[in-house]
Amino acid sequence: MVYPPDVELYERLSADQPELSQ
Protein backbone atom coordinates (compact mmCIF):
# COMPACT_ATOMS: atom_id res chain seq x y z
CA MET A 1 0.00 0.00 0.00
CA VAL A 2 1.28 3.44 -0.93
CA TYR A 3 0.92 6.17 1.63
CA PRO A 4 1.63 9.93 1.54
CA PRO A 5 4.84 11.43 2.97
CA ASP A 6 2.92 12.27 6.13
CA VAL A 7 4.04 9.15 7.97
CA GLU A 8 2.72 10.42 11.28
CA LEU A 9 -0.76 10.67 9.81
CA TYR A 10 -0.44 7.21 8.28
CA GLU A 11 0.69 5.73 11.57
CA ARG A 12 -2.30 7.37 13.23
CA LEU A 13 -4.62 5.79 10.67
CA SER A 14 -2.96 2.41 11.02
CA ALA A 15 -3.52 2.66 14.77
CA ASP A 16 -7.25 2.95 14.13
CA GLN A 17 -7.23 0.55 11.17
CA PRO A 18 -4.40 -1.99 11.54
CA GLU A 19 -5.62 -3.70 8.37
CA LEU A 20 -4.20 -0.81 6.35
CA SER A 21 -0.67 -1.47 7.55
CA GLN A 22 0.01 -3.96 4.75
PDB file of N, CA and C in Angstrom:
ATOM      1  N   MET A   1       0.843  -1.200   0.000  1.00  0.00           N
ATOM      2  CA  MET A   1       0.000   0.000   0.000  1.00  0.00           C
ATOM      3  C   MET A   1       0.875   1.245   0.000  1.00  0.00           C
ATOM      4  N   VAL A   2       0.514   2.205  -0.840  1.00  0.00           N
ATOM      5  CA  VAL A   2       1.285   3.440  -0.930  1.00  0.00           C
ATOM      6  C   VAL A   2       0.636   4.509  -0.059  1.00  0.00           C
ATOM      7  N   TYR A   3       1.454   5.140   0.749  1.00  0.00           N
ATOM      8  CA  TYR A   3       0.916   6.168   1.630  1.00  0.00           C
ATOM      9  C   TYR A   3       1.679   7.479   1.427  1.00  0.00           C
ATOM     10  N   PRO A   4       1.036   8.603   1.720  1.00  0.00           N
ATOM     11  CA  PRO A   4       1.630   9.926   1.539  1.00  0.00           C
ATOM     12  C   PRO A   4       2.832  10.124   2.454  1.00  0.00           C
ATOM     13  N   PRO A   5       3.633  11.156   2.185  1.00  0.00           N
ATOM     14  CA  PRO A   5       4.842  11.430   2.973  1.00  0.00           C
ATOM     15  C   PRO A   5       4.544  11.677   4.453  1.00  0.00           C
ATOM     16  N   ASP A   6       3.290  11.995   4.742  1.00  0.00           N
ATOM     17  CA  ASP A   6       2.923  12.269   6.129  1.00  0.00           C
ATOM     18  C   ASP A   6       2.829  10.959   6.901  1.00  0.00           C
ATOM     19  N   VAL A   7       3.982  10.454   7.310  1.00  0.00           N
ATOM     20  CA  VAL A   7       4.035   9.146   7.973  1.00  0.00           C
ATOM     21  C   VAL A   7       3.313   9.187   9.310  1.00  0.00           C
ATOM     22  N   GLU A   8       3.393  10.313   9.981  1.00  0.00           N
ATOM     23  CA  GLU A   8       2.717  10.421  11.282  1.00  0.00           C
ATOM     24  C   GLU A   8       1.217  10.210  11.114  1.00  0.00           C
ATOM     25  N   LEU A   9       0.669  10.816  10.057  1.00  0.00           N
ATOM     26  CA  LEU A   9      -0.760  10.671   9.809  1.00  0.00           C
ATOM     27  C   LEU A   9      -1.074   9.224   9.468  1.00  0.00           C
ATOM     28  N   TYR A  10      -0.217   8.608   8.667  1.00  0.00           N
ATOM     29  CA  TYR A  10      -0.438   7.214   8.279  1.00  0.00           C
ATOM     30  C   TYR A  10      -0.388   6.300   9.495  1.00  0.00           C
ATOM     31  N   GLU A  11       0.575   6.555  10.364  1.00  0.00           N
ATOM     32  CA  GLU A  11       0.688   5.725  11.572  1.00  0.00           C
ATOM     33  C   GLU A  11      -0.549   5.898  12.442  1.00  0.00           C
ATOM     34  N   ARG A  12      -1.087   7.117  12.448  1.00  0.00           N
ATOM     35  CA  ARG A  12      -2.295   7.368  13.233  1.00  0.00           C
ATOM     36  C   ARG A  12      -3.469   6.572  12.656  1.00  0.00           C
ATOM     37  N   LEU A  13      -3.546   6.541  11.319  1.00  0.00           N
ATOM     38  CA  LEU A  13      -4.623   5.794  10.671  1.00  0.00           C
ATOM     39  C   LEU A  13      -4.450   4.306  10.912  1.00  0.00           C
ATOM     40  N   SER A  14      -3.212   3.837  10.843  1.00  0.00           N
ATOM     41  CA  SER A  14      -2.960   2.406  11.024  1.00  0.00           C
ATOM     42  C   SER A  14      -3.258   1.992  12.466  1.00  0.00           C
ATOM     43  N   ALA A  15      -3.205   2.951  13.373  1.00  0.00           N
ATOM     44  CA  ALA A  15      -3.519   2.656  14.768  1.00  0.00           C
ATOM     45  C   ALA A  15      -5.026   2.399  14.902  1.00  0.00           C
ATOM     46  N   ASP A  16      -5.800   3.142  14.103  1.00  0.00           N
ATOM     47  CA  ASP A  16      -7.249   2.951  14.131  1.00  0.00           C
ATOM     48  C   ASP A  16      -7.653   1.784  13.235  1.00  0.00           C
ATOM     49  N   GLN A  17      -6.899   1.600  12.129  1.00  0.00           N
ATOM     50  CA  GLN A  17      -7.228   0.551  11.166  1.00  0.00           C
ATOM     51  C   GLN A  17      -5.976  -0.259  10.845  1.00  0.00           C
ATOM     52  N   PRO A  18      -5.613  -1.189  11.711  1.00  0.00           N
ATOM     53  CA  PRO A  18      -4.396  -1.992  11.544  1.00  0.00           C
ATOM     54  C   PRO A  18      -4.385  -2.747  10.217  1.00  0.00           C
ATOM     55  N   GLU A  19      -5.550  -2.961   9.627  1.00  0.00           N
ATOM     56  CA  GLU A  19      -5.622  -3.705   8.369  1.00  0.00           C
ATOM     57  C   GLU A  19      -4.938  -2.936   7.240  1.00  0.00           C
ATOM     58  N   LEU A  20      -4.797  -1.625   7.404  1.00  0.00           N
ATOM     59  CA  LEU A  20      -4.199  -0.814   6.349  1.00  0.00           C
ATOM     60  C   LEU A  20      -2.683  -0.880   6.378  1.00  0.00           C
ATOM     61  N   SER A  21      -2.123  -1.465   7.407  1.00  0.00           N
ATOM     62  CA  SER A  21      -0.668  -1.475   7.551  1.00  0.00           C
ATOM     63  C   SER A  21      -0.026  -2.607   6.760  1.00  0.00           C
ATOM     64  N   GLN A  22      -0.564  -2.900   5.594  1.00  0.00           N
ATOM     65  CA  GLN A  22       0.005  -3.959   4.746  1.00  0.00           C
ATOM     66  C   GLN A  22       1.003  -3.363   3.774  1.00  0.00           C
TER      67      GLN A  22
END
